[in-house]
PDB file of all heavy atoms in Angstrom:
ATOM      1  N   LEU A   1      55.920 -85.750  21.162  1.00  0.00           N
ATOM      2  CA  LEU A   1      55.371 -86.881  20.535  1.00  0.00           C
ATOM      3  C   LEU A   1      54.273 -87.525  21.408  1.00  0.00           C
ATOM      4  O   LEU A   1      53.174 -87.780  20.985  1.00  0.00           O
ATOM      5  CB  LEU A   1      56.438 -87.923  20.291  1.00  0.00           C
ATOM      6  CG  LEU A   1      55.988 -89.302  19.812  1.00  0.00           C
ATOM      7  CD1 LEU A   1      55.384 -89.197  18.353  1.00  0.00           C
ATOM      8  CD2 LEU A   1      57.143 -90.317  19.806  1.00  0.00           C
ATOM      9  N   PHE A   2      54.582 -87.707  22.717  1.00  0.00           N
ATOM     10  CA  PHE A   2      53.653 -88.347  23.627  1.00  0.00           C
ATOM     11  C   PHE A   2      52.648 -87.392  24.237  1.00  0.00           C
ATOM     12  O   PHE A   2      51.666 -87.806  24.796  1.00  0.00           O
ATOM     13  CB  PHE A   2      54.407 -89.008  24.767  1.00  0.00           C
ATOM     14  CG  PHE A   2      55.157 -90.260  24.299  1.00  0.00           C
ATOM     15  CD1 PHE A   2      56.524 -90.339  24.469  1.00  0.00           C
ATOM     16  CD2 PHE A   2      54.528 -91.288  23.722  1.00  0.00           C
ATOM     17  CE1 PHE A   2      57.269 -91.414  24.039  1.00  0.00           C
ATOM     18  CE2 PHE A   2      55.229 -92.421  23.285  1.00  0.00           C
ATOM     19  CZ  PHE A   2      56.638 -92.511  23.454  1.00  0.00           C
ATOM     20  N   MET A   3      52.821 -86.049  23.995  1.00  0.00           N
ATOM     21  CA  MET A   3      51.902 -85.089  24.476  1.00  0.00           C
ATOM     22  C   MET A   3      51.010 -84.526  23.399  1.00  0.00           C
ATOM     23  O   MET A   3      50.368 -83.451  23.541  1.00  0.00           O
ATOM     24  CB  MET A   3      52.618 -83.918  25.173  1.00  0.00           C
ATOM     25  CG  MET A   3      53.380 -84.376  26.461  1.00  0.00           C
ATOM     26  SD  MET A   3      52.316 -84.852  27.835  1.00  0.00           S
ATOM     27  CE  MET A   3      51.812 -83.198  28.421  1.00  0.00           C
ATOM     28  N   ASP A   4      50.969 -85.184  22.267  1.00  0.00           N
ATOM     29  CA  ASP A   4      50.194 -84.697  21.155  1.00  0.00           C
ATOM     30  C   ASP A   4      48.690 -84.782  21.316  1.00  0.00           C
ATOM     31  O   ASP A   4      47.924 -84.310  20.523  1.00  0.00           O
ATOM     32  CB  ASP A   4      50.591 -85.447  19.831  1.00  0.00           C
ATOM     33  CG  ASP A   4      50.319 -86.951  19.869  1.00  0.00           C
ATOM     34  OD1 ASP A   4      49.800 -87.429  20.879  1.00  0.00           O
ATOM     35  OD2 ASP A   4      50.594 -87.617  18.842  1.00  0.00           O
ATOM     36  N   ASN A   5      48.293 -85.367  22.487  1.00  0.00           N
ATOM     37  CA  ASN A   5      46.856 -85.374  22.816  1.00  0.00           C
ATOM     38  C   ASN A   5      46.467 -84.141  23.613  1.00  0.00           C
ATOM     39  O   ASN A   5      45.249 -83.974  23.894  1.00  0.00           O
ATOM     40  CB  ASN A   5      46.484 -86.655  23.585  1.00  0.00           C
ATOM     41  CG  ASN A   5      47.241 -86.690  24.920  1.00  0.00           C
ATOM     42  OD1 ASN A   5      48.333 -86.258  25.025  1.00  0.00           O
ATOM     43  ND2 ASN A   5      46.618 -87.345  25.915  1.00  0.00           N
ATOM     44  N   ILE A   6      47.401 -83.259  23.984  1.00  0.00           N
ATOM     45  CA  ILE A   6      47.111 -82.105  24.762  1.00  0.00           C
ATOM     46  C   ILE A   6      46.677 -81.002  23.779  1.00  0.00           C
ATOM     47  O   ILE A   6      47.327 -80.590  22.867  1.00  0.00           O
ATOM     48  CB  ILE A   6      48.364 -81.569  25.502  1.00  0.00           C
ATOM     49  CG1 ILE A   6      48.843 -82.655  26.485  1.00  0.00           C
ATOM     50  CG2 ILE A   6      48.012 -80.266  26.212  1.00  0.00           C
ATOM     51  CD1 ILE A   6      47.857 -82.961  27.619  1.00  0.00           C
ATOM     52  N   PRO A   7      45.368 -80.493  23.968  1.00  0.00           N
ATOM     53  CA  PRO A   7      44.889 -79.401  23.066  1.00  0.00           C
ATOM     54  C   PRO A   7      45.435 -78.054  23.462  1.00  0.00           C
ATOM     55  O   PRO A   7      44.724 -77.221  24.028  1.00  0.00           O
ATOM     56  CB  PRO A   7      43.381 -79.570  23.277  1.00  0.00           C
ATOM     57  CG  PRO A   7      43.258 -80.014  24.661  1.00  0.00           C
ATOM     58  CD  PRO A   7      44.470 -80.888  24.967  1.00  0.00           C
ATOM     59  N   TYR A   8      46.648 -77.810  23.153  1.00  0.00           N
ATOM     60  CA  TYR A   8      47.321 -76.566  23.565  1.00  0.00           C
ATOM     61  C   TYR A   8      46.637 -75.302  23.069  1.00  0.00           C
ATOM     62  O   TYR A   8      46.527 -74.326  23.787  1.00  0.00           O
ATOM     63  CB  TYR A   8      48.752 -76.512  23.082  1.00  0.00           C
ATOM     64  CG  TYR A   8      49.681 -77.387  23.900  1.00  0.00           C
ATOM     65  CD1 TYR A   8      50.214 -78.610  23.372  1.00  0.00           C
ATOM     66  CD2 TYR A   8      50.075 -77.058  25.195  1.00  0.00           C
ATOM     67  CE1 TYR A   8      51.146 -79.378  24.040  1.00  0.00           C
ATOM     68  CE2 TYR A   8      50.930 -77.851  25.918  1.00  0.00           C
ATOM     69  CZ  TYR A   8      51.483 -79.013  25.366  1.00  0.00           C
ATOM     70  OH  TYR A   8      52.340 -79.795  26.050  1.00  0.00           O
ATOM     71  N   GLU A   9      46.018 -75.410  21.904  1.00  0.00           N
ATOM     72  CA  GLU A   9      45.362 -74.211  21.360  1.00  0.00           C
ATOM     73  C   GLU A   9      44.105 -73.900  22.210  1.00  0.00           C
ATOM     74  O   GLU A   9      43.830 -72.750  22.522  1.00  0.00           O
ATOM     75  CB  GLU A   9      45.001 -74.390  19.860  1.00  0.00           C
ATOM     76  CG  GLU A   9      46.225 -74.416  18.988  1.00  0.00           C
ATOM     77  CD  GLU A   9      45.838 -74.310  17.516  1.00  0.00           C
ATOM     78  OE1 GLU A   9      44.624 -74.256  17.193  1.00  0.00           O
ATOM     79  OE2 GLU A   9      46.786 -74.404  16.647  1.00  0.00           O
ATOM     80  N   GLU A  10      43.362 -74.925  22.534  1.00  0.00           N
ATOM     81  CA  GLU A  10      42.162 -74.742  23.397  1.00  0.00           C
ATOM     82  C   GLU A  10      42.602 -74.226  24.781  1.00  0.00           C
ATOM     83  O   GLU A  10      41.978 -73.323  25.310  1.00  0.00           O
ATOM     84  CB  GLU A  10      41.467 -76.090  23.545  1.00  0.00           C
ATOM     85  CG  GLU A  10      40.219 -76.031  24.428  1.00  0.00           C
ATOM     86  CD  GLU A  10      39.582 -77.382  24.589  1.00  0.00           C
ATOM     87  OE1 GLU A  10      39.747 -78.252  23.715  1.00  0.00           O
ATOM     88  OE2 GLU A  10      38.919 -77.621  25.633  1.00  0.00           O
ATOM     89  N   TRP A  11      43.665 -74.817  25.313  1.00  0.00           N
ATOM     90  CA  TRP A  11      44.207 -74.353  26.638  1.00  0.00           C
ATOM     91  C   TRP A  11      44.597 -72.892  26.594  1.00  0.00           C
ATOM     92  O   TRP A  11      44.340 -72.138  27.515  1.00  0.00           O
ATOM     93  CB  TRP A  11      45.307 -75.260  27.116  1.00  0.00           C
ATOM     94  CG  TRP A  11      44.881 -76.641  27.546  1.00  0.00           C
ATOM     95  CD1 TRP A  11      43.721 -77.258  27.213  1.00  0.00           C
ATOM     96  CD2 TRP A  11      45.626 -77.542  28.370  1.00  0.00           C
ATOM     97  NE1 TRP A  11      43.720 -78.525  27.811  1.00  0.00           N
ATOM     98  CE2 TRP A  11      44.856 -78.674  28.482  1.00  0.00           C
ATOM     99  CE3 TRP A  11      46.875 -77.486  28.965  1.00  0.00           C
ATOM    100  CZ2 TRP A  11      45.347 -79.798  29.209  1.00  0.00           C
ATOM    101  CZ3 TRP A  11      47.330 -78.548  29.684  1.00  0.00           C
ATOM    102  CH2 TRP A  11      46.551 -79.705  29.855  1.00  0.00           C
ATOM    103  N   SER A  12      45.289 -72.550  25.503  1.00  0.00           N
ATOM    104  CA  SER A  12      45.795 -71.165  25.383  1.00  0.00           C
ATOM    105  C   SER A  12      44.628 -70.179  25.291  1.00  0.00           C
ATOM    106  O   SER A  12      44.690 -69.118  25.837  1.00  0.00           O
ATOM    107  CB  SER A  12      46.698 -71.050  24.152  1.00  0.00           C
ATOM    108  OG  SER A  12      45.982 -71.154  22.962  1.00  0.00           O
ATOM    109  N   ARG A  13      43.548 -70.560  24.612  1.00  0.00           N
ATOM    110  CA  ARG A  13      42.373 -69.663  24.516  1.00  0.00           C
ATOM    111  C   ARG A  13      41.802 -69.417  25.877  1.00  0.00           C
ATOM    112  O   ARG A  13      41.353 -68.321  26.235  1.00  0.00           O
ATOM    113  CB  ARG A  13      41.363 -70.235  23.529  1.00  0.00           C
ATOM    114  CG  ARG A  13      41.743 -70.174  22.069  1.00  0.00           C
ATOM    115  CD  ARG A  13      40.560 -70.425  21.187  1.00  0.00           C
ATOM    116  NE  ARG A  13      40.071 -71.800  21.241  1.00  0.00           N
ATOM    117  CZ  ARG A  13      40.537 -72.826  20.529  1.00  0.00           C
ATOM    118  NH1 ARG A  13      41.436 -72.601  19.614  1.00  0.00           N
ATOM    119  NH2 ARG A  13      40.014 -73.985  20.679  1.00  0.00           N
ATOM    120  N   TYR A  14      41.778 -70.427  26.673  1.00  0.00           N
ATOM    121  CA  TYR A  14      41.241 -70.363  28.076  1.00  0.00           C
ATOM    122  C   TYR A  14      42.165 -69.391  28.901  1.00  0.00           C
ATOM    123  O   TYR A  14      41.619 -68.528  29.600  1.00  0.00           O
ATOM    124  CB  TYR A  14      41.194 -71.697  28.734  1.00  0.00           C
ATOM    125  CG  TYR A  14      40.661 -71.792  30.092  1.00  0.00           C
ATOM    126  CD1 TYR A  14      39.345 -71.487  30.423  1.00  0.00           C
ATOM    127  CD2 TYR A  14      41.529 -72.089  31.189  1.00  0.00           C
ATOM    128  CE1 TYR A  14      38.861 -71.544  31.705  1.00  0.00           C
ATOM    129  CE2 TYR A  14      41.078 -72.124  32.480  1.00  0.00           C
ATOM    130  CZ  TYR A  14      39.733 -71.869  32.743  1.00  0.00           C
ATOM    131  OH  TYR A  14      39.268 -71.892  34.020  1.00  0.00           O
ATOM    132  N   VAL A  15      43.442 -69.571  28.827  1.00  0.00           N
ATOM    133  CA  VAL A  15      44.364 -68.709  29.496  1.00  0.00           C
ATOM    134  C   VAL A  15      44.241 -67.285  29.047  1.00  0.00           C
ATOM    135  O   VAL A  15      44.182 -66.337  29.922  1.00  0.00           O
ATOM    136  CB  VAL A  15      45.824 -69.235  29.346  1.00  0.00           C
ATOM    137  CG1 VAL A  15      46.856 -68.220  29.846  1.00  0.00           C
ATOM    138  CG2 VAL A  15      46.037 -70.581  30.076  1.00  0.00           C
ATOM    139  N   ILE A  16      44.177 -67.100  27.753  1.00  0.00           N
ATOM    140  CA  ILE A  16      44.062 -65.741  27.199  1.00  0.00           C
ATOM    141  C   ILE A  16      42.725 -65.075  27.648  1.00  0.00           C
ATOM    142  O   ILE A  16      42.720 -63.888  28.032  1.00  0.00           O
ATOM    143  CB  ILE A  16      44.159 -65.762  25.684  1.00  0.00           C
ATOM    144  CG1 ILE A  16      45.572 -66.172  25.288  1.00  0.00           C
ATOM    145  CG2 ILE A  16      43.767 -64.445  25.025  1.00  0.00           C
ATOM    146  CD1 ILE A  16      45.695 -66.584  23.825  1.00  0.00           C
ATOM    147  N   GLU A  17      41.689 -65.847  27.701  1.00  0.00           N
ATOM    148  CA  GLU A  17      40.387 -65.293  28.122  1.00  0.00           C
ATOM    149  C   GLU A  17      40.459 -64.852  29.617  1.00  0.00           C
ATOM    150  O   GLU A  17      39.955 -63.800  29.968  1.00  0.00           O
ATOM    151  CB  GLU A  17      39.268 -66.325  27.945  1.00  0.00           C
ATOM    152  CG  GLU A  17      37.905 -65.814  28.300  1.00  0.00           C
ATOM    153  CD  GLU A  17      36.768 -66.805  28.098  1.00  0.00           C
ATOM    154  OE1 GLU A  17      37.027 -67.848  27.493  1.00  0.00           O
ATOM    155  OE2 GLU A  17      35.629 -66.506  28.534  1.00  0.00           O
ATOM    156  N   LEU A  18      41.018 -65.712  30.435  1.00  0.00           N
ATOM    157  CA  LEU A  18      41.098 -65.385  31.876  1.00  0.00           C
ATOM    158  C   LEU A  18      42.012 -64.127  32.096  1.00  0.00           C
ATOM    159  O   LEU A  18      41.646 -63.305  32.917  1.00  0.00           O
ATOM    160  CB  LEU A  18      41.623 -66.584  32.701  1.00  0.00           C
ATOM    161  CG  LEU A  18      40.652 -67.771  32.829  1.00  0.00           C
ATOM    162  CD1 LEU A  18      41.263 -68.817  33.684  1.00  0.00           C
ATOM    163  CD2 LEU A  18      39.316 -67.355  33.366  1.00  0.00           C
ATOM    164  N   LEU A  19      43.090 -64.111  31.395  1.00  0.00           N
ATOM    165  CA  LEU A  19      43.948 -62.925  31.528  1.00  0.00           C
ATOM    166  C   LEU A  19      43.269 -61.639  31.028  1.00  0.00           C
ATOM    167  O   LEU A  19      43.323 -60.592  31.605  1.00  0.00           O
ATOM    168  CB  LEU A  19      45.265 -63.133  30.701  1.00  0.00           C
ATOM    169  CG  LEU A  19      46.266 -64.223  31.269  1.00  0.00           C
ATOM    170  CD1 LEU A  19      47.451 -64.236  30.330  1.00  0.00           C
ATOM    171  CD2 LEU A  19      46.698 -63.839  32.670  1.00  0.00           C
ATOM    172  N   GLY A  20      42.547 -61.799  29.895  1.00  0.00           N
ATOM    173  CA  GLY A  20      41.805 -60.661  29.341  1.00  0.00           C
ATOM    174  C   GLY A  20      40.688 -60.123  30.256  1.00  0.00           C
ATOM    175  O   GLY A  20      40.535 -58.911  30.319  1.00  0.00           O
ATOM    176  N   ARG A  21      40.082 -61.032  30.990  1.00  0.00           N
ATOM    177  CA  ARG A  21      39.078 -60.602  31.960  1.00  0.00           C
ATOM    178  C   ARG A  21      39.679 -59.742  33.110  1.00  0.00           C
ATOM    179  O   ARG A  21      38.983 -59.056  33.789  1.00  0.00           O
ATOM    180  CB  ARG A  21      38.297 -61.787  32.557  1.00  0.00           C
ATOM    181  CG  ARG A  21      37.380 -62.449  31.520  1.00  0.00           C
ATOM    182  CD  ARG A  21      36.680 -63.583  32.162  1.00  0.00           C
ATOM    183  NE  ARG A  21      35.739 -64.258  31.236  1.00  0.00           N
ATOM    184  CZ  ARG A  21      34.527 -63.894  31.032  1.00  0.00           C
ATOM    185  NH1 ARG A  21      34.012 -62.881  31.719  1.00  0.00           N
ATOM    186  NH2 ARG A  21      33.773 -64.556  30.164  1.00  0.00           N
ATOM    187  N   GLN A  22      41.013 -59.940  33.307  1.00  0.00           N
ATOM    188  CA  GLN A  22      41.732 -59.104  34.271  1.00  0.00           C
ATOM    189  C   GLN A  22      42.431 -57.924  33.687  1.00  0.00           C
ATOM    190  O   GLN A  22      43.214 -57.242  34.286  1.00  0.00           O
ATOM    191  CB  GLN A  22      42.773 -59.984  35.023  1.00  0.00           C
ATOM    192  CG  GLN A  22      42.189 -61.218  35.763  1.00  0.00           C
ATOM    193  CD  GLN A  22      41.211 -60.781  36.824  1.00  0.00           C
ATOM    194  OE1 GLN A  22      41.449 -59.862  37.561  1.00  0.00           O
ATOM    195  NE2 GLN A  22      40.061 -61.522  36.923  1.00  0.00           N
ATOM    196  N   GLY A  23      42.108 -57.619  32.421  1.00  0.00           N
ATOM    197  CA  GLY A  23      42.637 -56.496  31.661  1.00  0.00           C
ATOM    198  C   GLY A  23      44.001 -56.695  31.143  1.00  0.00           C
ATOM    199  O   GLY A  23      44.654 -55.693  30.732  1.00  0.00           O
ATOM    200  N   ILE A  24      44.484 -57.900  31.060  1.00  0.00           N
ATOM    201  CA  ILE A  24      45.799 -58.209  30.566  1.00  0.00           C
ATOM    202  C   ILE A  24      45.707 -58.801  29.187  1.00  0.00           C
ATOM    203  O   ILE A  24      45.485 -59.997  29.044  1.00  0.00           O
ATOM    204  CB  ILE A  24      46.605 -59.093  31.480  1.00  0.00           C
ATOM    205  CG1 ILE A  24      46.724 -58.464  32.899  1.00  0.00           C
ATOM    206  CG2 ILE A  24      47.953 -59.458  30.920  1.00  0.00           C
ATOM    207  CD1 ILE A  24      47.411 -59.307  33.961  1.00  0.00           C
ATOM    208  N   ARG A  25      45.831 -57.959  28.169  1.00  0.00           N
ATOM    209  CA  ARG A  25      45.677 -58.417  26.740  1.00  0.00           C
ATOM    210  C   ARG A  25      46.962 -58.182  25.975  1.00  0.00           C
ATOM    211  O   ARG A  25      47.022 -58.538  24.791  1.00  0.00           O
ATOM    212  CB  ARG A  25      44.513 -57.637  26.100  1.00  0.00           C
ATOM    213  CG  ARG A  25      43.150 -57.903  26.745  1.00  0.00           C
ATOM    214  CD  ARG A  25      42.026 -57.132  26.149  1.00  0.00           C
ATOM    215  NE  ARG A  25      40.794 -57.486  26.812  1.00  0.00           N
ATOM    216  CZ  ARG A  25      40.330 -56.903  27.958  1.00  0.00           C
ATOM    217  NH1 ARG A  25      41.058 -55.973  28.536  1.00  0.00           N
ATOM    218  NH2 ARG A  25      39.208 -57.264  28.469  1.00  0.00           N
ATOM    219  N   GLU A  26      48.001 -57.611  26.658  1.00  0.00           N
ATOM    220  CA  GLU A  26      49.274 -57.461  25.992  1.00  0.00           C
ATOM    221  C   GLU A  26      50.315 -57.269  27.104  1.00  0.00           C
ATOM    222  O   GLU A  26      49.990 -57.254  28.288  1.00  0.00           O
ATOM    223  CB  GLU A  26      49.289 -56.187  25.132  1.00  0.00           C
ATOM    224  CG  GLU A  26      48.893 -54.907  25.832  1.00  0.00           C
ATOM    225  CD  GLU A  26      48.808 -53.720  24.911  1.00  0.00           C
ATOM    226  OE1 GLU A  26      48.957 -53.908  23.699  1.00  0.00           O
ATOM    227  OE2 GLU A  26      48.611 -52.628  25.421  1.00  0.00           O
ATOM    228  N   GLY A  27      51.537 -57.071  26.735  1.00  0.00           N
ATOM    229  CA  GLY A  27      52.648 -56.793  27.690  1.00  0.00           C
ATOM    230  C   GLY A  27      53.418 -58.003  28.077  1.00  0.00           C
ATOM    231  O   GLY A  27      53.206 -59.112  27.444  1.00  0.00           O
ATOM    232  N   LEU A  28      54.318 -57.866  29.001  1.00  0.00           N
ATOM    233  CA  LEU A  28      55.258 -58.970  29.363  1.00  0.00           C
ATOM    234  C   LEU A  28      54.492 -60.012  30.235  1.00  0.00           C
ATOM    235  O   LEU A  28      53.802 -59.658  31.173  1.00  0.00           O
ATOM    236  CB  LEU A  28      56.392 -58.363  30.212  1.00  0.00           C
ATOM    237  CG  LEU A  28      57.588 -57.808  29.459  1.00  0.00           C
ATOM    238  CD1 LEU A  28      58.512 -57.157  30.384  1.00  0.00           C
ATOM    239  CD2 LEU A  28      58.331 -58.905  28.699  1.00  0.00           C
ATOM    240  N   VAL A  29      54.705 -61.235  29.831  1.00  0.00           N
ATOM    241  CA  VAL A  29      54.099 -62.379  30.552  1.00  0.00           C
ATOM    242  C   VAL A  29      55.185 -63.444  30.684  1.00  0.00           C
ATOM    243  O   VAL A  29      55.893 -63.775  29.730  1.00  0.00           O
ATOM    244  CB  VAL A  29      52.870 -62.991  29.808  1.00  0.00           C
ATOM    245  CG1 VAL A  29      52.401 -64.276  30.473  1.00  0.00           C
ATOM    246  CG2 VAL A  29      51.756 -61.946  29.737  1.00  0.00           C
ATOM    247  N   LEU A  30      55.333 -63.960  31.885  1.00  0.00           N
ATOM    248  CA  LEU A  30      56.286 -64.980  32.193  1.00  0.00           C
ATOM    249  C   LEU A  30      55.534 -66.336  32.276  1.00  0.00           C
ATOM    250  O   LEU A  30      54.591 -66.495  32.976  1.00  0.00           O
ATOM    251  CB  LEU A  30      57.000 -64.690  33.533  1.00  0.00           C
ATOM    252  CG  LEU A  30      57.832 -65.831  34.182  1.00  0.00           C
ATOM    253  CD1 LEU A  30      59.022 -66.114  33.309  1.00  0.00           C
ATOM    254  CD2 LEU A  30      58.221 -65.459  35.574  1.00  0.00           C
ATOM    255  N   GLU A  31      56.089 -67.336  31.629  1.00  0.00           N
ATOM    256  CA  GLU A  31      55.620 -68.697  31.837  1.00  0.00           C
ATOM    257  C   GLU A  31      56.649 -69.532  32.611  1.00  0.00           C
ATOM    258  O   GLU A  31      57.758 -69.719  32.176  1.00  0.00           O
ATOM    259  CB  GLU A  31      55.333 -69.419  30.493  1.00  0.00           C
ATOM    260  CG  GLU A  31      54.705 -70.791  30.698  1.00  0.00           C
ATOM    261  CD  GLU A  31      54.451 -71.606  29.412  1.00  0.00           C
ATOM    262  OE1 GLU A  31      54.759 -71.064  28.309  1.00  0.00           O
ATOM    263  OE2 GLU A  31      53.924 -72.710  29.557  1.00  0.00           O
ATOM    264  N   LEU A  32      56.208 -70.019  33.775  1.00  0.00           N
ATOM    265  CA  LEU A  32      57.092 -70.910  34.566  1.00  0.00           C
ATOM    266  C   LEU A  32      56.802 -72.341  34.181  1.00  0.00           C
ATOM    267  O   LEU A  32      55.719 -72.761  34.050  1.00  0.00           O
ATOM    268  CB  LEU A  32      56.747 -70.731  36.082  1.00  0.00           C
ATOM    269  CG  LEU A  32      57.123 -69.390  36.714  1.00  0.00           C
ATOM    270  CD1 LEU A  32      56.702 -69.407  38.179  1.00  0.00           C
ATOM    271  CD2 LEU A  32      58.613 -69.121  36.596  1.00  0.00           C
TER     272      LEU A  32
END
């Protein structure tokens, strides 16, 4: 409720782009 101002979709695109630039576009990923 209080974190509804966090643009998670935008953040996820950034994370996915950075991972993709390192050749990681699939496979096991751990989120801490």
